[in-house]
Amino acid sequence: MAIYRTQGTCSKEIIFHVDDNGILTDLKFLNGCSGNLQGVSRLCVGKHIDEIIAKLQGIQCRNKTSCPDQLAQALLQYKEEHNLA
């Protein structure tokens, strides 16, 4: 399990788990727009993190970021910390 503290969004934290194959297996956002973030979670769980990063990175809502963009940033940080190519 990993926890990422978001910046510039209504959501305050992203809690997620990535399996050994790079597949996102669990995803929860704390705070934020509940319906939208439940939708993002359902669409992302089961996907490879590289696919999620490619689709969500750069989406803007306010403060030049968004909850989907923050998820992409969280996954990029996770990749760095776990030396994933």
Protein backbone atom coordinates (compact mmCIF):
# COMPACT_ATOMS: atom_id res chain seq x y z
CA MET A 1 0.00 0.00 0.00
CA ALA A 2 1.19 3.49 -0.82
CA ILE A 3 -0.10 6.87 0.35
CA TYR A 4 0.38 10.04 -1.69
CA ARG A 5 -0.47 13.47 -0.27
CA THR A 6 -1.96 15.51 -3.08
CA GLN A 7 -1.20 19.15 -3.85
CA GLY A 8 -3.60 21.71 -5.29
CA THR A 9 -6.73 19.52 -5.29
CA CYS A 10 -9.82 18.99 -3.15
CA SER A 11 -8.67 15.44 -2.53
CA LYS A 12 -6.09 15.31 0.25
CA GLU A 13 -4.62 11.81 -0.15
CA ILE A 14 -4.53 8.94 -2.59
CA ILE A 15 -4.18 5.44 -1.16
CA PHE A 16 -3.31 2.73 -3.64
CA HIS A 17 -1.72 -0.67 -4.17
CA VAL A 18 0.28 -1.87 -7.18
CA ASP A 19 1.02 -5.58 -7.65
CA ASP A 20 4.36 -7.04 -8.75
CA ASN A 21 3.32 -6.79 -12.42
CA GLY A 22 2.66 -3.03 -12.24
CA ILE A 23 -1.13 -3.43 -12.11
CA LEU A 24 -3.12 -1.07 -9.91
CA THR A 25 -5.17 -3.34 -7.63
CA ASP A 26 -6.72 -0.89 -5.17
CA LEU A 27 -7.34 2.87 -5.27
CA LYS A 28 -9.03 5.29 -2.88
CA PHE A 29 -9.11 9.08 -2.75
CA LEU A 30 -9.70 10.91 0.54
CA ASN A 31 -12.01 13.91 0.12
CA GLY A 32 -12.72 15.42 -3.27
CA CYS A 33 -15.71 14.85 -5.58
CA SER A 34 -16.93 11.45 -4.44
CA GLY A 35 -18.80 10.37 -7.58
CA ASN A 36 -16.08 11.44 -9.99
CA LEU A 37 -13.31 9.88 -7.93
CA GLN A 38 -15.22 6.61 -7.54
CA GLY A 39 -15.47 6.58 -11.33
CA VAL A 40 -11.75 7.26 -11.75
CA SER A 41 -11.01 4.45 -9.28
CA ARG A 42 -13.21 1.93 -11.07
CA LEU A 43 -11.75 2.81 -14.45
CA CYS A 44 -8.14 2.58 -13.23
CA VAL A 45 -8.15 -0.53 -11.03
CA GLY A 46 -6.94 -3.50 -13.08
CA LYS A 47 -4.87 -1.36 -15.45
CA HIS A 48 -1.09 -1.15 -15.72
CA ILE A 49 0.26 2.00 -14.08
CA ASP A 50 2.02 3.11 -17.28
CA GLU A 51 -1.34 3.16 -19.08
CA ILE A 52 -2.91 5.18 -16.26
CA ILE A 53 -0.04 7.69 -16.23
CA ALA A 54 -0.24 8.13 -20.02
CA LYS A 55 -3.98 8.82 -19.92
CA LEU A 56 -4.23 11.02 -16.83
CA GLN A 57 -1.01 13.04 -16.63
CA GLY A 58 -1.57 16.71 -17.42
CA ILE A 59 -5.35 16.85 -16.90
CA GLN A 60 -6.13 20.22 -15.32
CA CYS A 61 -8.99 21.24 -13.04
CA ARG A 62 -7.60 24.04 -10.87
CA ASN A 63 -4.14 25.10 -9.80
CA LYS A 64 -2.80 23.54 -13.03
CA THR A 65 -3.52 20.02 -11.74
CA SER A 66 -6.45 17.72 -10.96
CA CYS A 67 -7.17 14.58 -8.98
CA PRO A 68 -6.47 12.42 -12.07
CA ASP A 69 -3.20 14.31 -12.66
CA GLN A 70 -2.27 13.85 -9.00
CA LEU A 71 -2.88 10.11 -9.39
CA ALA A 72 -0.48 10.12 -12.34
CA GLN A 73 2.07 12.00 -10.22
CA ALA A 74 1.60 9.49 -7.38
CA LEU A 75 2.22 6.59 -9.75
CA LEU A 76 5.29 8.26 -11.25
CA GLN A 77 6.69 8.75 -7.76
CA TYR A 78 5.89 5.12 -6.95
CA LYS A 79 7.76 3.98 -10.07
CA GLU A 80 10.81 6.05 -9.04
CA GLU A 81 10.80 4.78 -5.47
CA HIS A 82 10.47 1.15 -6.58
CA ASN A 83 12.91 1.39 -9.50
CA LEU A 84 10.34 0.37 -12.09
CA ALA A 85 11.22 1.04 -15.72
